[in-house]
Amino acid sequence: MAQLDRITQDPQVMGGKPCVRGMRVTVGMVVGQIAAGHNVDEILADYPYLEHEDVMQALRYAAWRAEEREVMLTGR
């Protein structure tokens, strides 16, 4: 997915969880900060190595994953 080019997954980094640009900053951490009431500017101040687009892509990735649906197959 081209618009999510900053989200990476590597089994050697954070156990393969989706991360921002290969850093030890997971998508879950970014989403958790938003859920805790922090805004993007606060996150960027707390994590100066992140960029605005990193946060936006983490949120887009989480939204995309939340929209996935599992199709149950029946064995016949």
PDB file of N, CA and C in Angstrom:
ATOM      1  N   MET A   1       0.841  -1.168   0.000  1.00  0.00           N
ATOM      2  CA  MET A   1       0.000   0.000   0.000  1.00  0.00           C
ATOM      3  C   MET A   1       0.892   1.239   0.000  1.00  0.00           C
ATOM      4  N   ALA A   2       0.918   1.974  -1.071  1.00  0.00           N
ATOM      5  CA  ALA A   2       1.847   3.089  -1.236  1.00  0.00           C
ATOM      6  C   ALA A   2       1.646   4.181  -0.194  1.00  0.00           C
ATOM      7  N   GLN A   3       0.411   4.472   0.176  1.00  0.00           N
ATOM      8  CA  GLN A   3       0.187   5.556   1.124  1.00  0.00           C
ATOM      9  C   GLN A   3       0.585   5.165   2.547  1.00  0.00           C
ATOM     10  N   LEU A   4       1.000   3.942   2.756  1.00  0.00           N
ATOM     11  CA  LEU A   4       1.478   3.488   4.065  1.00  0.00           C
ATOM     12  C   LEU A   4       2.939   3.072   3.999  1.00  0.00           C
ATOM     13  N   ASP A   5       3.731   3.820   3.261  1.00  0.00           N
ATOM     14  CA  ASP A   5       5.124   3.446   3.056  1.00  0.00           C
ATOM     15  C   ASP A   5       6.005   3.689   4.279  1.00  0.00           C
ATOM     16  N   ARG A   6       5.488   4.317   5.312  1.00  0.00           N
ATOM     17  CA  ARG A   6       6.259   4.538   6.533  1.00  0.00           C
ATOM     18  C   ARG A   6       6.000   3.464   7.586  1.00  0.00           C
ATOM     19  N   ILE A   7       5.059   2.579   7.341  1.00  0.00           N
ATOM     20  CA  ILE A   7       4.739   1.521   8.288  1.00  0.00           C
ATOM     21  C   ILE A   7       5.475   0.259   7.857  1.00  0.00           C
ATOM     22  N   THR A   8       6.272  -0.278   8.759  1.00  0.00           N
ATOM     23  CA  THR A   8       7.107  -1.434   8.453  1.00  0.00           C
ATOM     24  C   THR A   8       6.828  -2.565   9.431  1.00  0.00           C
ATOM     25  N   GLN A   9       7.109  -3.773   9.003  1.00  0.00           N
ATOM     26  CA  GLN A   9       7.026  -4.939   9.865  1.00  0.00           C
ATOM     27  C   GLN A   9       8.263  -5.780   9.642  1.00  0.00           C
ATOM     28  N   ASP A  10       8.966  -6.038  10.727  1.00  0.00           N
ATOM     29  CA  ASP A  10      10.190  -6.823  10.683  1.00  0.00           C
ATOM     30  C   ASP A  10      10.189  -7.722  11.917  1.00  0.00           C
ATOM     31  N   PRO A  11      10.315  -9.026  11.735  1.00  0.00           N
ATOM     32  CA  PRO A  11      10.309  -9.929  12.893  1.00  0.00           C
ATOM     33  C   PRO A  11      11.385  -9.593  13.926  1.00  0.00           C
ATOM     34  N   GLN A  12      12.437  -8.903  13.500  1.00  0.00           N
ATOM     35  CA  GLN A  12      13.531  -8.557  14.401  1.00  0.00           C
ATOM     36  C   GLN A  12      13.298  -7.248  15.156  1.00  0.00           C
ATOM     37  N   VAL A  13      12.234  -6.529  14.822  1.00  0.00           N
ATOM     38  CA  VAL A  13      11.946  -5.251  15.479  1.00  0.00           C
ATOM     39  C   VAL A  13      10.582  -5.346  16.150  1.00  0.00           C
ATOM     40  N   MET A  14      10.564  -5.231  17.461  1.00  0.00           N
ATOM     41  CA  MET A  14       9.328  -5.251  18.258  1.00  0.00           C
ATOM     42  C   MET A  14       8.484  -6.491  17.972  1.00  0.00           C
ATOM     43  N   GLY A  15       9.146  -7.600  17.739  1.00  0.00           N
ATOM     44  CA  GLY A  15       8.442  -8.861  17.530  1.00  0.00           C
ATOM     45  C   GLY A  15       7.575  -8.902  16.290  1.00  0.00           C
ATOM     46  N   GLY A  16       7.876  -8.048  15.319  1.00  0.00           N
ATOM     47  CA  GLY A  16       7.118  -8.048  14.072  1.00  0.00           C
ATOM     48  C   GLY A  16       5.875  -7.176  14.091  1.00  0.00           C
ATOM     49  N   LYS A  17       5.658  -6.455  15.176  1.00  0.00           N
ATOM     50  CA  LYS A  17       4.515  -5.543  15.220  1.00  0.00           C
ATOM     51  C   LYS A  17       4.719  -4.430  14.200  1.00  0.00           C
ATOM     52  N   PRO A  18       3.636  -3.861  13.671  1.00  0.00           N
ATOM     53  CA  PRO A  18       3.775  -2.743  12.739  1.00  0.00           C
ATOM     54  C   PRO A  18       4.425  -1.550  13.450  1.00  0.00           C
ATOM     55  N   CYS A  19       5.483  -1.046  12.850  1.00  0.00           N
ATOM     56  CA  CYS A  19       6.255   0.062  13.429  1.00  0.00           C
ATOM     57  C   CYS A  19       6.342   1.222  12.441  1.00  0.00           C
ATOM     58  N   VAL A  20       6.786   2.341  12.957  1.00  0.00           N
ATOM     59  CA  VAL A  20       6.994   3.528  12.136  1.00  0.00           C
ATOM     60  C   VAL A  20       8.435   3.542  11.662  1.00  0.00           C
ATOM     61  N   ARG A  21       8.615   3.470  10.357  1.00  0.00           N
ATOM     62  CA  ARG A  21       9.914   3.567   9.700  1.00  0.00           C
ATOM     63  C   ARG A  21      10.994   2.686  10.319  1.00  0.00           C
ATOM     64  N   GLY A  22      10.621   1.490  10.751  1.00  0.00           N
ATOM     65  CA  GLY A  22      11.599   0.550  11.282  1.00  0.00           C
ATOM     66  C   GLY A  22      12.090   0.878  12.678  1.00  0.00           C
ATOM     67  N   MET A  23      11.560   1.927  13.282  1.00  0.00           N
ATOM     68  CA  MET A  23      11.955   2.299  14.638  1.00  0.00           C
ATOM     69  C   MET A  23      11.178   1.457  15.640  1.00  0.00           C
ATOM     70  N   ARG A  24      11.566   1.547  16.864  1.00  0.00           N
ATOM     71  CA  ARG A  24      10.870   0.830  17.934  1.00  0.00           C
ATOM     72  C   ARG A  24       9.691   1.650  18.455  1.00  0.00           C
ATOM     73  N   VAL A  25       8.951   2.187  17.525  1.00  0.00           N
ATOM     74  CA  VAL A  25       7.717   2.924  17.825  1.00  0.00           C
ATOM     75  C   VAL A  25       6.616   2.201  17.073  1.00  0.00           C
ATOM     76  N   THR A  26       5.729   1.551  17.807  1.00  0.00           N
ATOM     77  CA  THR A  26       4.694   0.763  17.156  1.00  0.00           C
ATOM     78  C   THR A  26       3.476   1.615  16.806  1.00  0.00           C
ATOM     79  N   VAL A  27       2.737   1.136  15.832  1.00  0.00           N
ATOM     80  CA  VAL A  27       1.470   1.764  15.474  1.00  0.00           C
ATOM     81  C   VAL A  27       0.569   1.793  16.709  1.00  0.00           C
ATOM     82  N   GLY A  28       0.562   0.710  17.471  1.00  0.00           N
ATOM     83  CA  GLY A  28      -0.251   0.636  18.676  1.00  0.00           C
ATOM     84  C   GLY A  28       0.090   1.705  19.686  1.00  0.00           C
ATOM     85  N   MET A  29       1.376   2.034  19.812  1.00  0.00           N
ATOM     86  CA  MET A  29       1.796   3.073  20.735  1.00  0.00           C
ATOM     87  C   MET A  29       1.246   4.422  20.287  1.00  0.00           C
ATOM     88  N   VAL A  30       1.339   4.701  18.999  1.00  0.00           N
ATOM     89  CA  VAL A  30       0.843   5.984  18.475  1.00  0.00           C
ATOM     90  C   VAL A  30      -0.673   6.079  18.673  1.00  0.00           C
ATOM     91  N   VAL A  31      -1.383   5.024  18.318  1.00  0.00           N
ATOM     92  CA  VAL A  31      -2.842   5.020  18.469  1.00  0.00           C
ATOM     93  C   VAL A  31      -3.219   5.128  19.948  1.00  0.00           C
ATOM     94  N   GLY A  32      -2.472   4.463  20.800  1.00  0.00           N
ATOM     95  CA  GLY A  32      -2.719   4.544  22.238  1.00  0.00           C
ATOM     96  C   GLY A  32      -2.559   5.951  22.780  1.00  0.00           C
ATOM     97  N   GLN A  33      -1.581   6.682  22.248  1.00  0.00           N
ATOM     98  CA  GLN A  33      -1.393   8.068  22.671  1.00  0.00           C
ATOM     99  C   GLN A  33      -2.587   8.935  22.281  1.00  0.00           C
ATOM    100  N   ILE A  34      -3.097   8.724  21.077  1.00  0.00           N
ATOM    101  CA  ILE A  34      -4.284   9.461  20.628  1.00  0.00           C
ATOM    102  C   ILE A  34      -5.477   9.078  21.507  1.00  0.00           C
ATOM    103  N   ALA A  35      -5.645   7.795  21.775  1.00  0.00           N
ATOM    104  CA  ALA A  35      -6.762   7.331  22.596  1.00  0.00           C
ATOM    105  C   ALA A  35      -6.688   7.882  24.021  1.00  0.00           C
ATOM    106  N   ALA A  36      -5.472   8.143  24.481  1.00  0.00           N
ATOM    107  CA  ALA A  36      -5.288   8.691  25.830  1.00  0.00           C
ATOM    108  C   ALA A  36      -5.547  10.195  25.881  1.00  0.00           C
ATOM    109  N   GLY A  37      -5.867  10.783  24.726  1.00  0.00           N
ATOM    110  CA  GLY A  37      -6.209  12.197  24.699  1.00  0.00           C
ATOM    111  C   GLY A  37      -5.112  13.130  24.235  1.00  0.00           C
ATOM    112  N   HIS A  38      -3.991  12.570  23.827  1.00  0.00           N
ATOM    113  CA  HIS A  38      -2.898  13.413  23.334  1.00  0.00           C
ATOM    114  C   HIS A  38      -3.158  13.781  21.878  1.00  0.00           C
ATOM    115  N   ASN A  39      -2.796  14.983  21.509  1.00  0.00           N
ATOM    116  CA  ASN A  39      -2.957  15.374  20.107  1.00  0.00           C
ATOM    117  C   ASN A  39      -1.638  15.163  19.369  1.00  0.00           C
ATOM    118  N   VAL A  40      -1.675  15.334  18.077  1.00  0.00           N
ATOM    119  CA  VAL A  40      -0.498  15.061  17.239  1.00  0.00           C
ATOM    120  C   VAL A  40       0.682  15.919  17.667  1.00  0.00           C
ATOM    121  N   ASP A  41       0.451  17.190  17.942  1.00  0.00           N
ATOM    122  CA  ASP A  41       1.560  18.070  18.352  1.00  0.00           C
ATOM    123  C   ASP A  41       2.208  17.594  19.647  1.00  0.00           C
ATOM    124  N   GLU A  42       1.406  17.099  20.575  1.00  0.00           N
ATOM    125  CA  GLU A  42       1.964  16.582  21.828  1.00  0.00           C
ATOM    126  C   GLU A  42       2.808  15.332  21.572  1.00  0.00           C
ATOM    127  N   ILE A  43       2.337  14.466  20.701  1.00  0.00           N
ATOM    128  CA  ILE A  43       3.093  13.251  20.370  1.00  0.00           C
ATOM    129  C   ILE A  43       4.421  13.634  19.719  1.00  0.00           C
ATOM    130  N   LEU A  44       4.379  14.580  18.804  1.00  0.00           N
ATOM    131  CA  LEU A  44       5.612  15.004  18.128  1.00  0.00           C
ATOM    132  C   LEU A  44       6.583  15.656  19.109  1.00  0.00           C
ATOM    133  N   ALA A  45       6.072  16.361  20.102  1.00  0.00           N
ATOM    134  CA  ALA A  45       6.946  16.964  21.116  1.00  0.00           C
ATOM    135  C   ALA A  45       7.574  15.891  22.003  1.00  0.00           C
ATOM    136  N   ASP A  46       6.795  14.856  22.333  1.00  0.00           N
ATOM    137  CA  ASP A  46       7.301  13.778  23.188  1.00  0.00           C
ATOM    138  C   ASP A  46       8.242  12.831  22.451  1.00  0.00           C
ATOM    139  N   TYR A  47       8.048  12.715  21.147  1.00  0.00           N
ATOM    140  CA  TYR A  47       8.865  11.825  20.308  1.00  0.00           C
ATOM    141  C   TYR A  47       9.420  12.636  19.145  1.00  0.00           C
ATOM    142  N   PRO A  48      10.460  13.430  19.387  1.00  0.00           N
ATOM    143  CA  PRO A  48      10.953  14.366  18.365  1.00  0.00           C
ATOM    144  C   PRO A  48      11.493  13.707  17.099  1.00  0.00           C
ATOM    145  N   TYR A  49      11.750  12.421  17.140  1.00  0.00           N
ATOM    146  CA  TYR A  49      12.230  11.712  15.950  1.00  0.00           C
ATOM    147  C   TYR A  49      11.081  11.296  15.039  1.00  0.00           C
ATOM    148  N   LEU A  50       9.835  11.484  15.484  1.00  0.00           N
ATOM    149  CA  LEU A  50       8.685  11.221  14.622  1.00  0.00           C
ATOM    150  C   LEU A  50       8.340  12.470  13.827  1.00  0.00           C
ATOM    151  N   GLU A  51       7.730  12.245  12.685  1.00  0.00           N
ATOM    152  CA  GLU A  51       7.255  13.339  11.842  1.00  0.00           C
ATOM    153  C   GLU A  51       5.735  13.265  11.758  1.00  0.00           C
ATOM    154  N   HIS A  52       5.124  14.372  11.412  1.00  0.00           N
ATOM    155  CA  HIS A  52       3.663  14.446  11.326  1.00  0.00           C
ATOM    156  C   HIS A  52       3.108  13.316  10.459  1.00  0.00           C
ATOM    157  N   GLU A  53       3.727  13.070   9.318  1.00  0.00           N
ATOM    158  CA  GLU A  53       3.239  12.024   8.417  1.00  0.00           C
ATOM    159  C   GLU A  53       3.356  10.630   9.045  1.00  0.00           C
ATOM    160  N   ASP A  54       4.327  10.432   9.935  1.00  0.00           N
ATOM    161  CA  ASP A  54       4.431   9.149  10.642  1.00  0.00           C
ATOM    162  C   ASP A  54       3.166   8.888  11.461  1.00  0.00           C
ATOM    163  N   VAL A  55       2.726   9.894  12.181  1.00  0.00           N
ATOM    164  CA  VAL A  55       1.531   9.757  13.017  1.00  0.00           C
ATOM    165  C   VAL A  55       0.303   9.537  12.140  1.00  0.00           C
ATOM    166  N   MET A  56       0.191  10.292  11.057  1.00  0.00           N
ATOM    167  CA  MET A  56      -0.965  10.152  10.171  1.00  0.00           C
ATOM    168  C   MET A  56      -1.013   8.750   9.557  1.00  0.00           C
ATOM    169  N   GLN A  57       0.130   8.246   9.135  1.00  0.00           N
ATOM    170  CA  GLN A  57       0.142   6.908   8.540  1.00  0.00           C
ATOM    171  C   GLN A  57      -0.151   5.829   9.577  1.00  0.00           C
ATOM    172  N   ALA A  58       0.309   6.015  10.806  1.00  0.00           N
ATOM    173  CA  ALA A  58      -0.011   5.052  11.859  1.00  0.00           C
ATOM    174  C   ALA A  58      -1.522   5.000  12.077  1.00  0.00           C
ATOM    175  N   LEU A  59      -2.160   6.154  12.074  1.00  0.00           N
ATOM    176  CA  LEU A  59      -3.617   6.202  12.245  1.00  0.00           C
ATOM    177  C   LEU A  59      -4.334   5.590  11.041  1.00  0.00           C
ATOM    178  N   ARG A  60      -3.850   5.890   9.835  1.00  0.00           N
ATOM    179  CA  ARG A  60      -4.462   5.295   8.644  1.00  0.00           C
ATOM    180  C   ARG A  60      -4.311   3.777   8.645  1.00  0.00           C
ATOM    181  N   TYR A  61      -3.145   3.308   9.045  1.00  0.00           N
ATOM    182  CA  TYR A  61      -2.906   1.868   9.100  1.00  0.00           C
ATOM    183  C   TYR A  61      -3.861   1.212  10.099  1.00  0.00           C
ATOM    184  N   ALA A  62      -3.998   1.807  11.273  1.00  0.00           N
ATOM    185  CA  ALA A  62      -4.888   1.246  12.293  1.00  0.00           C
ATOM    186  C   ALA A  62      -6.329   1.235  11.801  1.00  0.00           C
ATOM    187  N   ALA A  63      -6.748   2.289  11.120  1.00  0.00           N
ATOM    188  CA  ALA A  63      -8.112   2.339  10.581  1.00  0.00           C
ATOM    189  C   ALA A  63      -8.303   1.276   9.521  1.00  0.00           C
ATOM    190  N   TRP A  64      -7.320   1.105   8.655  1.00  0.00           N
ATOM    191  CA  TRP A  64      -7.387   0.089   7.607  1.00  0.00           C
ATOM    192  C   TRP A  64      -7.503  -1.297   8.223  1.00  0.00           C
ATOM    193  N   ARG A  65      -6.682  -1.587   9.239  1.00  0.00           N
ATOM    194  CA  ARG A  65      -6.730  -2.901   9.889  1.00  0.00           C
ATOM    195  C   ARG A  65      -8.054  -3.115  10.610  1.00  0.00           C
ATOM    196  N   ALA A  66      -8.618  -2.062  11.178  1.00  0.00           N
ATOM    197  CA  ALA A  66      -9.893  -2.186  11.886  1.00  0.00           C
ATOM    198  C   ALA A  66     -11.034  -2.498  10.928  1.00  0.00           C
ATOM    199  N   GLU A  67     -10.885  -2.120   9.669  1.00  0.00           N
ATOM    200  CA  GLU A  67     -11.927  -2.368   8.675  1.00  0.00           C
ATOM    201  C   GLU A  67     -11.825  -3.742   8.036  1.00  0.00           C
ATOM    202  N   GLU A  68     -10.723  -4.446   8.283  1.00  0.00           N
ATOM    203  CA  GLU A  68     -10.601  -5.791   7.735  1.00  0.00           C
ATOM    204  C   GLU A  68     -11.682  -6.662   8.333  1.00  0.00           C
ATOM    205  N   ARG A  69     -12.114  -7.621   7.577  1.00  0.00           N
ATOM    206  CA  ARG A  69     -13.079  -8.551   8.146  1.00  0.00           C
ATOM    207  C   ARG A  69     -12.638  -9.967   7.844  1.00  0.00           C
ATOM    208  N   GLU A  70     -12.986 -10.816   8.744  1.00  0.00           N
ATOM    209  CA  GLU A  70     -12.610 -12.216   8.625  1.00  0.00           C
ATOM    210  C   GLU A  70     -13.789 -12.982   8.043  1.00  0.00           C
ATOM    211  N   VAL A  71     -13.534 -13.764   7.045  1.00  0.00           N
ATOM    212  CA  VAL A  71     -14.563 -14.567   6.419  1.00  0.00           C
ATOM    213  C   VAL A  71     -14.399 -15.997   6.901  1.00  0.00           C
ATOM    214  N   MET A  72     -15.416 -16.497   7.535  1.00  0.00           N
ATOM    215  CA  MET A  72     -15.364 -17.866   8.042  1.00  0.00           C
ATOM    216  C   MET A  72     -15.724 -18.828   6.904  1.00  0.00           C
ATOM    217  N   LEU A  73     -14.878 -19.798   6.687  1.00  0.00           N
ATOM    218  CA  LEU A  73     -15.124 -20.810   5.666  1.00  0.00           C
ATOM    219  C   LEU A  73     -15.696 -22.046   6.331  1.00  0.00           C
ATOM    220  N   THR A  74     -16.674 -22.622   5.703  1.00  0.00           N
ATOM    221  CA  THR A  74     -17.248 -23.852   6.236  1.00  0.00           C
ATOM    222  C   THR A  74     -16.645 -25.041   5.516  1.00  0.00           C
ATOM    223  N   GLY A  75     -16.346 -26.064   6.257  1.00  0.00           N
ATOM    224  CA  GLY A  75     -15.797 -27.278   5.640  1.00  0.00           C
ATOM    225  C   GLY A  75     -16.928 -28.186   5.172  1.00  0.00           C
ATOM    226  N   ARG A  76     -17.001 -28.402   3.886  1.00  0.00           N
ATOM    227  CA  ARG A  76     -18.075 -29.255   3.361  1.00  0.00           C
ATOM    228  C   ARG A  76     -17.482 -30.451   2.698  1.00  0.00           C
TER     229      ARG A  76
END
